[in-house]
Each structure stands twice: as C-alpha cells, then as structure tokens.
Amino acid sequence: MPVIVDLAGQPDSVRAQAAQILVDAFRVMAPGAWPTLAEATDEVNDALTDDKICRVALVEGRAVGWIGALPLYDDRVWELHPLAVDPAQQGQGIGRAMGSGS
C-alpha cells in the first residue's frame, strides 16, 4: 500500500507526476476535464492553496494517486476534488485509502 502525505511538502517532480495522473485518469471517462498537462498542472497548483487539503499517494517516492478537498458551506462540508489514481494502479484500493485519510 502507498504512503499518503501532503502534496505541498513534495518536490516539483512529484507535483508534475500528480498532474500527469490527472490527465491520464480522466482521459477516457471525462476527456474534456483536464485534457492538457498545463491545465492539470494549474489544478494541482490550485489544490495547494492554504484553505484546501491536498494529499498524494506515493510508492517508492513516485506518485500513484492524489486527492484534493475544498471547504464548502462555511467550512462544515469538504468536497473531494479531484480524486485521481494512475490508471495502471487502479483497482488496488489507493483511491479508497486516500479518501479515508489512511
């Protein structure tokens, strides 16, 4: 199972991997979501703002998934946005682990 840590504390290379995961994970199921690496990089950077939560799942130092959450309704509710797992790693419980805070 991966180690789940704050994305903000990771090097630029891991942030770039997170952006690529976003493009790859949504390519088939929602092709217009983040069709380019530049748009996905903007999403990663936006998820790293102070009022949001952003975690990355790492296996041997490489990103295999990431999750963001933003506060809504006067900080009473957190919306998961986005949750993405590398397509080659899907089906192994990584998304579930990130969503549960494990």
C-alpha atoms as a PDB file:
ATOM      1  CA  MET A   1       0.000   0.000   0.000  1.00  0.00           C
ATOM      2  CA  PRO A   2       1.249   3.520  -0.686  1.00  0.00           C
ATOM      3  CA  VAL A   3       2.274   6.127   1.827  1.00  0.00           C
ATOM      4  CA  ILE A   4      -0.130   9.094   1.843  1.00  0.00           C
ATOM      5  CA  VAL A   5       1.405  12.506   2.587  1.00  0.00           C
ATOM      6  CA  ASP A   6       0.775  16.209   1.984  1.00  0.00           C
ATOM      7  CA  LEU A   7       1.452  17.086  -1.639  1.00  0.00           C
ATOM      8  CA  ALA A   8       2.572  20.575  -0.603  1.00  0.00           C
ATOM      9  CA  GLY A   9       5.724  19.174   1.026  1.00  0.00           C
ATOM     10  CA  GLN A  10       6.761  17.178  -2.028  1.00  0.00           C
ATOM     11  CA  PRO A  11       9.273  18.172  -4.725  1.00  0.00           C
ATOM     12  CA  ASP A  12       8.196  19.635  -8.050  1.00  0.00           C
ATOM     13  CA  SER A  13       8.774  16.265  -9.726  1.00  0.00           C
ATOM     14  CA  VAL A  14       6.040  14.653  -7.591  1.00  0.00           C
ATOM     15  CA  ARG A  15       3.689  17.556  -8.305  1.00  0.00           C
ATOM     16  CA  ALA A  16       4.339  17.033 -12.024  1.00  0.00           C
ATOM     17  CA  GLN A  17       3.544  13.332 -11.608  1.00  0.00           C
ATOM     18  CA  ALA A  18       0.266  14.272  -9.897  1.00  0.00           C
ATOM     19  CA  ALA A  19      -0.659  16.486 -12.843  1.00  0.00           C
ATOM     20  CA  GLN A  20       0.102  13.683 -15.310  1.00  0.00           C
ATOM     21  CA  ILE A  21      -2.053  11.293 -13.274  1.00  0.00           C
ATOM     22  CA  LEU A  22      -4.939  13.752 -13.561  1.00  0.00           C
ATOM     23  CA  VAL A  23      -4.637  13.845 -17.360  1.00  0.00           C
ATOM     24  CA  ASP A  24      -4.263  10.063 -17.654  1.00  0.00           C
ATOM     25  CA  ALA A  25      -7.009   9.141 -15.177  1.00  0.00           C
ATOM     26  CA  PHE A  26      -9.640  11.348 -16.797  1.00  0.00           C
ATOM     27  CA  ARG A  27      -8.609  10.838 -20.435  1.00  0.00           C
ATOM     28  CA  VAL A  28     -11.175   8.095 -21.062  1.00  0.00           C
ATOM     29  CA  MET A  29     -14.024   8.777 -18.626  1.00  0.00           C
ATOM     30  CA  ALA A  30     -14.115  12.586 -18.938  1.00  0.00           C
ATOM     31  CA  PRO A  31     -11.870  13.644 -21.830  1.00  0.00           C
ATOM     32  CA  GLY A  32     -12.677  17.335 -21.505  1.00  0.00           C
ATOM     33  CA  ALA A  33     -11.891  17.547 -17.783  1.00  0.00           C
ATOM     34  CA  TRP A  34      -8.106  18.127 -17.894  1.00  0.00           C
ATOM     35  CA  PRO A  35      -7.084  17.425 -21.482  1.00  0.00           C
ATOM     36  CA  THR A  36      -3.649  19.030 -21.242  1.00  0.00           C
ATOM     37  CA  LEU A  37      -0.773  18.795 -18.811  1.00  0.00           C
ATOM     38  CA  ALA A  38      -0.835  22.597 -18.439  1.00  0.00           C
ATOM     39  CA  GLU A  39      -4.467  22.531 -17.280  1.00  0.00           C
ATOM     40  CA  ALA A  40      -3.764  19.645 -14.918  1.00  0.00           C
ATOM     41  CA  THR A  41      -0.731  21.494 -13.502  1.00  0.00           C
ATOM     42  CA  ASP A  42      -2.951  24.520 -12.843  1.00  0.00           C
ATOM     43  CA  GLU A  43      -5.392  22.237 -10.995  1.00  0.00           C
ATOM     44  CA  VAL A  44      -2.587  20.799  -8.855  1.00  0.00           C
ATOM     45  CA  ASN A  45      -1.332  24.287  -8.018  1.00  0.00           C
ATOM     46  CA  ASP A  46      -4.854  25.453  -7.180  1.00  0.00           C
ATOM     47  CA  ALA A  47      -5.316  22.460  -4.866  1.00  0.00           C
ATOM     48  CA  LEU A  48      -2.238  23.554  -2.921  1.00  0.00           C
ATOM     49  CA  THR A  49      -3.755  26.795  -1.638  1.00  0.00           C
ATOM     50  CA  ASP A  50      -3.990  27.335   2.125  1.00  0.00           C
ATOM     51  CA  ASP A  51      -7.712  26.684   2.530  1.00  0.00           C
ATOM     52  CA  LYS A  52      -7.644  23.280   0.808  1.00  0.00           C
ATOM     53  CA  ILE A  53      -6.384  19.799   1.610  1.00  0.00           C
ATOM     54  CA  CYS A  54      -4.146  18.039  -0.891  1.00  0.00           C
ATOM     55  CA  ARG A  55      -2.611  14.587  -0.404  1.00  0.00           C
ATOM     56  CA  VAL A  56      -0.562  12.334  -2.640  1.00  0.00           C
ATOM     57  CA  ALA A  57      -0.139   8.558  -2.554  1.00  0.00           C
ATOM     58  CA  LEU A  58       3.494   7.540  -3.027  1.00  0.00           C
ATOM     59  CA  VAL A  59       5.033   4.175  -3.835  1.00  0.00           C
ATOM     60  CA  GLU A  60       8.829   4.205  -3.625  1.00  0.00           C
ATOM     61  CA  GLY A  61       8.769   8.004  -3.916  1.00  0.00           C
ATOM     62  CA  ARG A  62       6.611   8.046  -7.049  1.00  0.00           C
ATOM     63  CA  ALA A  63       3.080   9.455  -7.149  1.00  0.00           C
ATOM     64  CA  VAL A  64       0.404   6.856  -7.885  1.00  0.00           C
ATOM     65  CA  GLY A  65      -2.605   8.987  -6.960  1.00  0.00           C
ATOM     66  CA  TRP A  66      -3.691  12.246  -5.409  1.00  0.00           C
ATOM     67  CA  ILE A  67      -6.705  13.802  -3.787  1.00  0.00           C
ATOM     68  CA  GLY A  68      -7.820  17.340  -3.080  1.00  0.00           C
ATOM     69  CA  ALA A  69     -10.582  18.658  -0.843  1.00  0.00           C
ATOM     70  CA  LEU A  70     -12.085  22.100  -0.546  1.00  0.00           C
ATOM     71  CA  PRO A  71     -14.227  23.555   2.222  1.00  0.00           C
ATOM     72  CA  LEU A  72     -17.847  24.450   1.482  1.00  0.00           C
ATOM     73  CA  TYR A  73     -20.840  25.728   3.454  1.00  0.00           C
ATOM     74  CA  ASP A  74     -18.902  27.795   5.978  1.00  0.00           C
ATOM     75  CA  ASP A  75     -16.298  25.028   6.382  1.00  0.00           C
ATOM     76  CA  ARG A  76     -18.889  22.473   7.540  1.00  0.00           C
ATOM     77  CA  VAL A  77     -18.507  20.228   4.486  1.00  0.00           C
ATOM     78  CA  TRP A  78     -15.472  19.129   2.478  1.00  0.00           C
ATOM     79  CA  GLU A  79     -15.859  18.324  -1.210  1.00  0.00           C
ATOM     80  CA  LEU A  80     -13.375  15.859  -2.685  1.00  0.00           C
ATOM     81  CA  HIS A  81     -11.991  17.459  -5.826  1.00  0.00           C
ATOM     82  CA  PRO A  82     -10.338  15.767  -7.560  1.00  0.00           C
ATOM     83  CA  LEU A  83      -9.509  12.185  -6.700  1.00  0.00           C
ATOM     84  CA  ALA A  84      -7.309  10.542  -9.306  1.00  0.00           C
ATOM     85  CA  VAL A  85      -5.323   7.304  -9.408  1.00  0.00           C
ATOM     86  CA  ASP A  86      -2.821   6.322 -12.070  1.00  0.00           C
ATOM     87  CA  PRO A  87      -4.783   4.038 -14.441  1.00  0.00           C
ATOM     88  CA  ALA A  88      -2.056   1.377 -14.134  1.00  0.00           C
ATOM     89  CA  GLN A  89      -2.613   1.363 -10.348  1.00  0.00           C
ATOM     90  CA  GLN A  90      -6.414   1.435 -10.254  1.00  0.00           C
ATOM     91  CA  GLY A  91      -8.339  -1.334  -8.542  1.00  0.00           C
ATOM     92  CA  GLN A  92      -5.822  -1.709  -5.710  1.00  0.00           C
ATOM     93  CA  GLY A  93      -7.580   0.376  -3.061  1.00  0.00           C
ATOM     94  CA  ILE A  94      -5.431   3.507  -3.478  1.00  0.00           C
ATOM     95  CA  GLY A  95      -8.394   5.833  -4.038  1.00  0.00           C
ATOM     96  CA  ARG A  96     -10.223   4.326  -1.083  1.00  0.00           C
ATOM     97  CA  ALA A  97      -7.156   4.761   1.140  1.00  0.00           C
ATOM     98  CA  MET A  98      -6.756   8.403   0.139  1.00  0.00           C
ATOM     99  CA  GLY A  99     -10.467   9.103   0.648  1.00  0.00           C
ATOM    100  CA  SER A 100     -10.479   7.575   4.118  1.00  0.00           C
ATOM    101  CA  GLY A 101      -7.442   9.514   5.292  1.00  0.00           C
ATOM    102  CA  SER A 102      -5.385   6.347   5.823  1.00  0.00           C
END
